[in-house]
Amino acid sequence: YVECMWLILQQPVPDDYVIATGEQHSVREFCELAFSRVGINLRWEGEGADEKGIDTKTGKVIVEVSPDFYRPTDVVNLWGDPTKARKMLGWNPQKTSFQQLVNLMVDADMAKVAVERAGEQVKMNLEEYLEKGIVK
């Protein structure tokens, strides 16, 4: 996305371009790939607002539809045609696949969680040491 923006800015004459992959992916597909990245397989039950994603190992519901996040003005299909950007700019919208993008997102979130947990552990250890008078 940013690479395409940069390529647009390098053009001698301003023009309009669609920055898109030309692919469509569902929230369900995103969830399946994201949870699979961390070793969780989903089974889907129900339909529409009653659909749930269930961890196949634990039977626990880990994905649910929430009407709170419905957007009444949303279009059904968000699907852009990057042909002009590909042809005029030489941009490859599939340079990073959907799977790779999901992996990057999940890996970044997991790294953040690991750092936050480590920070909490250090804080707990420090408080314990202060309590026992080990660290002054």
C-alpha atoms as a PDB file:
ATOM      1  CA  TYR A   1       0.000   0.000   0.000  1.00  0.00           C
ATOM      2  CA  VAL A   2       2.686   2.471   1.041  1.00  0.00           C
ATOM      3  CA  GLU A   3       4.886   1.421  -1.864  1.00  0.00           C
ATOM      4  CA  CYS A   4       2.054   2.259  -4.260  1.00  0.00           C
ATOM      5  CA  MET A   5       1.505   5.622  -2.578  1.00  0.00           C
ATOM      6  CA  TRP A   6       5.201   6.379  -3.030  1.00  0.00           C
ATOM      7  CA  LEU A   7       5.057   5.358  -6.715  1.00  0.00           C
ATOM      8  CA  ILE A   8       2.052   7.654  -7.239  1.00  0.00           C
ATOM      9  CA  LEU A   9       3.972  10.550  -5.693  1.00  0.00           C
ATOM     10  CA  GLN A  10       6.855   9.964  -8.108  1.00  0.00           C
ATOM     11  CA  GLN A  11       4.653  10.575 -11.157  1.00  0.00           C
ATOM     12  CA  PRO A  12       5.287  13.823 -13.084  1.00  0.00           C
ATOM     13  CA  VAL A  13       1.553  14.394 -13.604  1.00  0.00           C
ATOM     14  CA  PRO A  14      -1.083  13.858 -10.879  1.00  0.00           C
ATOM     15  CA  ASP A  15      -3.639  11.146 -11.609  1.00  0.00           C
ATOM     16  CA  ASP A  16      -6.125   8.916  -9.812  1.00  0.00           C
ATOM     17  CA  TYR A  17      -5.267   5.301  -9.000  1.00  0.00           C
ATOM     18  CA  VAL A  18      -7.047   2.508  -7.170  1.00  0.00           C
ATOM     19  CA  ILE A  19      -4.820   0.984  -4.528  1.00  0.00           C
ATOM     20  CA  ALA A  20      -6.244  -2.487  -4.043  1.00  0.00           C
ATOM     21  CA  THR A  21      -5.249  -6.122  -4.363  1.00  0.00           C
ATOM     22  CA  GLY A  22      -8.034  -7.141  -6.712  1.00  0.00           C
ATOM     23  CA  GLU A  23      -8.899  -9.920  -4.245  1.00  0.00           C
ATOM     24  CA  GLN A  24     -11.720 -10.387  -1.779  1.00  0.00           C
ATOM     25  CA  HIS A  25     -11.405 -12.108   1.590  1.00  0.00           C
ATOM     26  CA  SER A  26     -14.007 -12.693   4.264  1.00  0.00           C
ATOM     27  CA  VAL A  27     -13.738 -12.022   7.978  1.00  0.00           C
ATOM     28  CA  ARG A  28     -14.198 -15.767   8.404  1.00  0.00           C
ATOM     29  CA  GLU A  29     -11.153 -16.459   6.202  1.00  0.00           C
ATOM     30  CA  PHE A  30      -9.115 -13.877   8.121  1.00  0.00           C
ATOM     31  CA  CYS A  31     -10.076 -15.492  11.446  1.00  0.00           C
ATOM     32  CA  GLU A  32      -9.239 -18.987  10.203  1.00  0.00           C
ATOM     33  CA  LEU A  33      -5.785 -17.893   9.014  1.00  0.00           C
ATOM     34  CA  ALA A  34      -5.043 -15.785  12.104  1.00  0.00           C
ATOM     35  CA  PHE A  35      -6.035 -18.425  14.629  1.00  0.00           C
ATOM     36  CA  SER A  36      -4.344 -21.154  12.614  1.00  0.00           C
ATOM     37  CA  ARG A  37      -1.104 -19.150  12.855  1.00  0.00           C
ATOM     38  CA  VAL A  38      -1.149 -19.703  16.629  1.00  0.00           C
ATOM     39  CA  GLY A  39      -2.270 -23.321  16.447  1.00  0.00           C
ATOM     40  CA  ILE A  40      -6.006 -22.870  16.910  1.00  0.00           C
ATOM     41  CA  ASN A  41      -8.406 -24.487  14.447  1.00  0.00           C
ATOM     42  CA  LEU A  42     -11.931 -23.148  14.187  1.00  0.00           C
ATOM     43  CA  ARG A  43     -15.219 -24.903  13.583  1.00  0.00           C
ATOM     44  CA  TRP A  44     -18.076 -22.649  12.495  1.00  0.00           C
ATOM     45  CA  GLU A  45     -21.628 -23.031  13.792  1.00  0.00           C
ATOM     46  CA  GLY A  46     -24.743 -20.996  13.128  1.00  0.00           C
ATOM     47  CA  GLU A  47     -25.449 -18.453  10.422  1.00  0.00           C
ATOM     48  CA  GLY A  48     -25.495 -14.681  10.088  1.00  0.00           C
ATOM     49  CA  ALA A  49     -25.652 -12.875  13.425  1.00  0.00           C
ATOM     50  CA  ASP A  50     -25.718 -16.250  15.230  1.00  0.00           C
ATOM     51  CA  GLU A  51     -22.504 -17.576  13.671  1.00  0.00           C
ATOM     52  CA  LYS A  52     -19.733 -18.554  16.066  1.00  0.00           C
ATOM     53  CA  GLY A  53     -16.146 -19.736  15.648  1.00  0.00           C
ATOM     54  CA  ILE A  54     -15.353 -22.522  18.099  1.00  0.00           C
ATOM     55  CA  ASP A  55     -11.902 -23.805  19.067  1.00  0.00           C
ATOM     56  CA  THR A  56     -11.932 -27.445  17.932  1.00  0.00           C
ATOM     57  CA  LYS A  57      -9.658 -28.528  20.828  1.00  0.00           C
ATOM     58  CA  THR A  58     -11.450 -26.844  23.716  1.00  0.00           C
ATOM     59  CA  GLY A  59     -14.985 -26.364  22.399  1.00  0.00           C
ATOM     60  CA  LYS A  60     -14.731 -22.763  23.559  1.00  0.00           C
ATOM     61  CA  VAL A  61     -16.393 -20.005  21.503  1.00  0.00           C
ATOM     62  CA  ILE A  62     -13.647 -17.596  20.486  1.00  0.00           C
ATOM     63  CA  VAL A  63     -15.274 -15.674  17.618  1.00  0.00           C
ATOM     64  CA  GLU A  64     -18.782 -14.214  17.695  1.00  0.00           C
ATOM     65  CA  VAL A  65     -20.680 -11.792  15.523  1.00  0.00           C
ATOM     66  CA  SER A  66     -21.477  -8.527  17.281  1.00  0.00           C
ATOM     67  CA  PRO A  67     -24.222  -6.268  15.910  1.00  0.00           C
ATOM     68  CA  ASP A  68     -22.446  -3.416  17.744  1.00  0.00           C
ATOM     69  CA  PHE A  69     -19.934  -3.361  14.903  1.00  0.00           C
ATOM     70  CA  TYR A  70     -22.401  -3.407  12.002  1.00  0.00           C
ATOM     71  CA  ARG A  71     -22.077  -0.386   9.757  1.00  0.00           C
ATOM     72  CA  PRO A  72     -25.393   0.420   8.091  1.00  0.00           C
ATOM     73  CA  THR A  73     -23.743   2.206   5.162  1.00  0.00           C
ATOM     74  CA  ASP A  74     -21.241  -0.584   4.417  1.00  0.00           C
ATOM     75  CA  VAL A  75     -21.239  -1.950   0.915  1.00  0.00           C
ATOM     76  CA  VAL A  76     -21.540  -5.693   0.451  1.00  0.00           C
ATOM     77  CA  ASN A  77     -18.501  -6.057  -1.786  1.00  0.00           C
ATOM     78  CA  LEU A  78     -15.288  -4.110  -1.298  1.00  0.00           C
ATOM     79  CA  TRP A  79     -13.272  -5.059  -4.313  1.00  0.00           C
ATOM     80  CA  GLY A  80     -10.905  -2.688  -6.080  1.00  0.00           C
ATOM     81  CA  ASP A  81      -9.355  -3.042  -9.520  1.00  0.00           C
ATOM     82  CA  PRO A  82      -5.603  -2.251  -9.387  1.00  0.00           C
ATOM     83  CA  THR A  83      -5.076  -2.665 -13.141  1.00  0.00           C
ATOM     84  CA  LYS A  84      -4.149   0.984 -13.757  1.00  0.00           C
ATOM     85  CA  ALA A  85      -1.673   1.092 -10.834  1.00  0.00           C
ATOM     86  CA  ARG A  86      -0.144  -2.167 -12.009  1.00  0.00           C
ATOM     87  CA  LYS A  87       0.149  -1.007 -15.619  1.00  0.00           C
ATOM     88  CA  MET A  88       1.142   2.659 -15.131  1.00  0.00           C
ATOM     89  CA  LEU A  89       3.261   2.338 -11.978  1.00  0.00           C
ATOM     90  CA  GLY A  90       4.598  -1.197 -12.252  1.00  0.00           C
ATOM     91  CA  TRP A  91       3.130  -1.921  -8.814  1.00  0.00           C
ATOM     92  CA  ASN A  92       2.497  -5.533  -7.776  1.00  0.00           C
ATOM     93  CA  PRO A  93      -0.464  -5.667  -5.375  1.00  0.00           C
ATOM     94  CA  GLN A  94       0.168  -9.354  -4.667  1.00  0.00           C
ATOM     95  CA  LYS A  95       3.785  -8.832  -3.590  1.00  0.00           C
ATOM     96  CA  THR A  96       2.569  -9.665  -0.079  1.00  0.00           C
ATOM     97  CA  SER A  97      -0.086 -12.383  -0.154  1.00  0.00           C
ATOM     98  CA  PHE A  98      -3.137 -12.322   2.088  1.00  0.00           C
ATOM     99  CA  GLN A  99      -1.665 -15.235   4.069  1.00  0.00           C
ATOM    100  CA  GLN A 100       1.625 -13.340   4.503  1.00  0.00           C
ATOM    101  CA  LEU A 101      -0.234 -10.210   5.610  1.00  0.00           C
ATOM    102  CA  VAL A 102      -2.230 -12.142   8.218  1.00  0.00           C
ATOM    103  CA  ASN A 103       0.980 -13.818   9.448  1.00  0.00           C
ATOM    104  CA  LEU A 104       2.714 -10.428   9.783  1.00  0.00           C
ATOM    105  CA  MET A 105      -0.227  -9.041  11.757  1.00  0.00           C
ATOM    106  CA  VAL A 106      -0.489 -12.044  14.095  1.00  0.00           C
ATOM    107  CA  ASP A 107       3.277 -12.235  14.638  1.00  0.00           C
ATOM    108  CA  ALA A 108       3.385  -8.518  15.527  1.00  0.00           C
ATOM    109  CA  ASP A 109       0.509  -8.940  18.003  1.00  0.00           C
ATOM    110  CA  MET A 110       2.104 -12.016  19.566  1.00  0.00           C
ATOM    111  CA  ALA A 111       5.441 -10.197  19.956  1.00  0.00           C
ATOM    112  CA  LYS A 112       3.629  -7.281  21.626  1.00  0.00           C
ATOM    113  CA  VAL A 113       1.825  -9.621  24.026  1.00  0.00           C
ATOM    114  CA  ALA A 114       5.115 -11.377  24.875  1.00  0.00           C
ATOM    115  CA  VAL A 115       6.779  -8.036  25.712  1.00  0.00           C
ATOM    116  CA  GLU A 116       3.804  -6.914  27.802  1.00  0.00           C
ATOM    117  CA  ARG A 117       3.764 -10.210  29.721  1.00  0.00           C
ATOM    118  CA  ALA A 118       7.520 -10.028  30.306  1.00  0.00           C
ATOM    119  CA  GLY A 119       7.107  -6.468  31.587  1.00  0.00           C
ATOM    120  CA  GLU A 120       4.362  -7.566  33.970  1.00  0.00           C
ATOM    121  CA  GLN A 121       6.567 -10.437  35.236  1.00  0.00           C
ATOM    122  CA  VAL A 122       9.472  -8.050  35.881  1.00  0.00           C
ATOM    123  CA  LYS A 123       7.133  -5.689  37.721  1.00  0.00           C
ATOM    124  CA  MET A 124       5.761  -8.547  39.869  1.00  0.00           C
ATOM    125  CA  ASN A 125       9.265  -9.807  40.652  1.00  0.00           C
ATOM    126  CA  LEU A 126      10.438  -6.300  41.567  1.00  0.00           C
ATOM    127  CA  GLU A 127       7.455  -5.777  43.880  1.00  0.00           C
ATOM    128  CA  GLU A 128       8.128  -9.144  45.527  1.00  0.00           C
ATOM    129  CA  TYR A 129      11.825  -8.321  45.973  1.00  0.00           C
ATOM    130  CA  LEU A 130      10.982  -4.925  47.450  1.00  0.00           C
ATOM    131  CA  GLU A 131       8.527  -6.566  49.837  1.00  0.00           C
ATOM    132  CA  LYS A 132      11.154  -9.046  51.027  1.00  0.00           C
ATOM    133  CA  GLY A 133      13.820  -6.349  51.277  1.00  0.00           C
ATOM    134  CA  ILE A 134      16.014  -8.059  48.667  1.00  0.00           C
ATOM    135  CA  VAL A 135      16.212  -4.918  46.505  1.00  0.00           C
ATOM    136  CA  LYS A 136      16.466  -1.501  48.135  1.00  0.00           C
END
